[in-house]
C-alpha cells in the first residue's frame, strides 16, 4: 500500500514540477517571439549575459550611460566592467559599441540571446546578408 502511494506521490510531484517548468518555458518562448521582428528595449536585456529577460532588470547608471542586469551578480560584473562587459562588437561592422547606446535585436528565439548594433541601419545590412 505504501509503495503505491509513494509511487503516486512521486508521479504527482514530477508532473507538477514538469508543468511549472513547461509553462514557464512556453511563456518565455512566447515573450521572445514578440520581439522577433522589433528592437529589444535595453531595459529587457541582461547586459552581462546578453540575453532578453521576461522579468524586470536592475538598472545601473555608469557615467552618463544606463546598463541593465538580471541579478546582483551580473550587476556587479557590469559595474566593474569585468571582461569589458559594457562593450559589444557590432556583428556587421566589427566596430565596438557601448551596450547602453546600441540598437538591440534578438539573435534567436531558441535561446534568447541578443546582438548589439551601432544603429538600425547596421542591423538591416546585417539581416540582408544573413
Protein backbone atom coordinates (compact mmCIF):
# COMPACT_ATOMS: atom_id res chain seq x y z
CA UNK A 1 0.00 0.00 0.00
CA UNK A 2 2.76 2.44 0.95
CA UNK A 3 4.70 1.73 -2.23
CA UNK A 4 1.64 2.50 -4.38
CA UNK A 5 1.04 5.77 -2.50
CA UNK A 6 4.76 6.60 -2.73
CA UNK A 7 4.87 5.97 -6.47
CA UNK A 8 1.69 8.01 -6.94
CA UNK A 9 3.16 10.87 -4.89
CA UNK A 10 6.41 10.84 -6.86
CA UNK A 11 4.49 10.86 -10.15
CA UNK A 12 2.28 13.73 -8.97
CA UNK A 13 5.27 15.81 -7.84
CA UNK A 14 7.07 15.04 -11.09
CA UNK A 15 4.05 16.02 -13.16
CA UNK A 16 3.52 19.29 -11.26
CA UNK A 17 7.21 20.19 -11.49
CA UNK A 18 7.26 19.49 -15.21
CA UNK A 19 4.08 21.50 -15.75
CA UNK A 20 5.52 24.53 -13.91
CA UNK A 21 8.78 24.27 -15.88
CA UNK A 22 7.00 23.74 -19.19
CA UNK A 23 4.59 26.61 -18.56
CA UNK A 24 7.47 28.97 -17.78
CA UNK A 25 9.40 27.79 -20.84
CA UNK A 26 6.37 28.30 -23.10
CA UNK A 27 5.77 31.74 -21.59
CA UNK A 28 9.41 32.69 -22.30
CA UNK A 29 9.22 31.45 -25.90
CA UNK A 30 6.02 33.45 -26.49
CA UNK A 31 7.66 36.52 -24.96
CA UNK A 32 10.75 36.11 -27.16
CA UNK A 33 8.61 35.70 -30.29
CA UNK A 34 7.01 39.08 -29.54
CA UNK A 35 10.46 40.66 -30.09
CA UNK A 36 11.36 38.65 -33.20
CA UNK A 37 10.66 41.49 -35.64
CA UNK A 38 11.28 44.58 -33.49
CA UNK A 39 14.00 46.28 -31.48
CA UNK A 40 14.51 44.89 -27.99
CA UNK A 41 14.38 47.62 -25.34
CA UNK A 42 17.66 47.77 -23.42
CA UNK A 43 15.73 47.53 -20.16
CA UNK A 44 14.67 43.98 -21.16
CA UNK A 45 18.26 42.74 -21.58
CA UNK A 46 20.77 41.43 -19.08
CA UNK A 47 23.87 43.15 -20.44
CA UNK A 48 26.18 40.69 -18.73
CA UNK A 49 24.57 37.56 -20.21
CA UNK A 50 23.45 39.33 -23.43
CA UNK A 51 20.02 37.73 -23.13
CA UNK A 52 16.47 39.01 -23.17
CA UNK A 53 14.65 38.78 -19.83
CA UNK A 54 10.96 38.36 -19.16
CA UNK A 55 11.29 39.78 -15.64
CA UNK A 56 12.29 43.39 -14.95
CA UNK A 57 16.01 44.03 -14.95
CA UNK A 58 18.05 46.09 -12.49
CA UNK A 59 19.24 49.42 -13.90
CA UNK A 60 22.67 50.83 -13.13
CA UNK A 61 23.92 54.22 -14.26
CA UNK A 62 27.63 54.29 -15.09
CA UNK A 63 28.96 57.72 -16.03
CA UNK A 64 26.09 59.01 -18.17
CA UNK A 65 25.04 55.61 -19.56
CA UNK A 66 22.34 53.23 -18.36
CA UNK A 67 23.02 49.49 -18.20
CA UNK A 68 20.77 46.63 -17.08
CA UNK A 69 21.34 43.34 -15.28
CA UNK A 70 19.13 40.42 -14.30
CA UNK A 71 20.64 39.94 -10.82
CA UNK A 72 23.10 41.42 -8.32
CA UNK A 73 25.95 39.20 -9.56
CA UNK A 74 25.54 40.43 -13.13
CA UNK A 75 25.12 44.00 -11.89
CA UNK A 76 28.49 43.88 -10.11
CA UNK A 77 30.20 42.49 -13.20
CA UNK A 78 28.79 45.25 -15.37
CA UNK A 79 29.67 47.89 -12.81
CA UNK A 80 33.30 46.73 -12.64
CA UNK A 81 33.34 46.28 -16.45
CA UNK A 82 34.57 42.72 -15.93
CA UNK A 83 35.82 41.31 -19.25
CA UNK A 84 34.88 44.61 -20.90
CA UNK A 85 31.18 43.85 -20.34
CA UNK A 86 29.96 47.33 -21.19
CA UNK A 87 31.09 46.96 -24.79
CA UNK A 88 29.87 44.70 -27.60
CA UNK A 89 31.04 44.18 -31.15
CA UNK A 90 28.61 45.02 -33.92
CA UNK A 91 28.33 41.75 -35.88
CA UNK A 92 28.01 43.63 -39.18
CA UNK A 93 30.70 46.31 -38.96
CA UNK A 94 33.02 44.77 -36.37
CA UNK A 95 33.04 48.11 -34.52
CA UNK A 96 32.92 48.34 -30.75
CA UNK A 97 29.66 49.74 -29.43
CA UNK A 98 28.53 50.69 -25.93
CA UNK A 99 25.73 48.30 -24.99
CA UNK A 100 23.85 51.19 -23.41
CA UNK A 101 23.73 53.03 -26.77
CA UNK A 102 23.24 50.04 -29.05
CA UNK A 103 20.38 49.04 -31.29
CA UNK A 104 19.45 45.61 -29.86
CA UNK A 105 17.86 42.71 -31.71
CA UNK A 106 17.04 39.19 -30.74
CA UNK A 107 19.50 36.76 -32.31
CA UNK A 108 17.45 33.64 -31.82
CA UNK A 109 14.13 32.83 -30.21
CA UNK A 110 15.50 29.49 -29.05
CA UNK A 111 18.00 30.80 -26.51
CA UNK A 112 17.06 34.46 -26.02
CA UNK A 113 20.48 35.83 -26.96
CA UNK A 114 20.67 39.34 -28.33
CA UNK A 115 23.01 41.16 -30.68
CA UNK A 116 24.15 44.76 -30.26
CA UNK A 117 24.43 47.00 -33.33
CA UNK A 118 25.75 50.54 -33.86
CA UNK A 119 22.46 51.50 -35.49
CA UNK A 120 19.29 50.21 -37.07
CA UNK A 121 20.94 50.64 -40.47
CA UNK A 122 23.78 48.35 -39.43
CA UNK A 123 21.23 45.74 -38.33
CA UNK A 124 19.30 46.00 -41.61
CA UNK A 125 22.50 45.48 -43.64
CA UNK A 126 23.40 42.53 -41.40
CA UNK A 127 19.95 40.97 -41.82
CA UNK A 128 20.15 41.38 -45.62
CA UNK A 129 23.42 39.42 -45.68
CA UNK A 130 22.16 36.80 -43.28
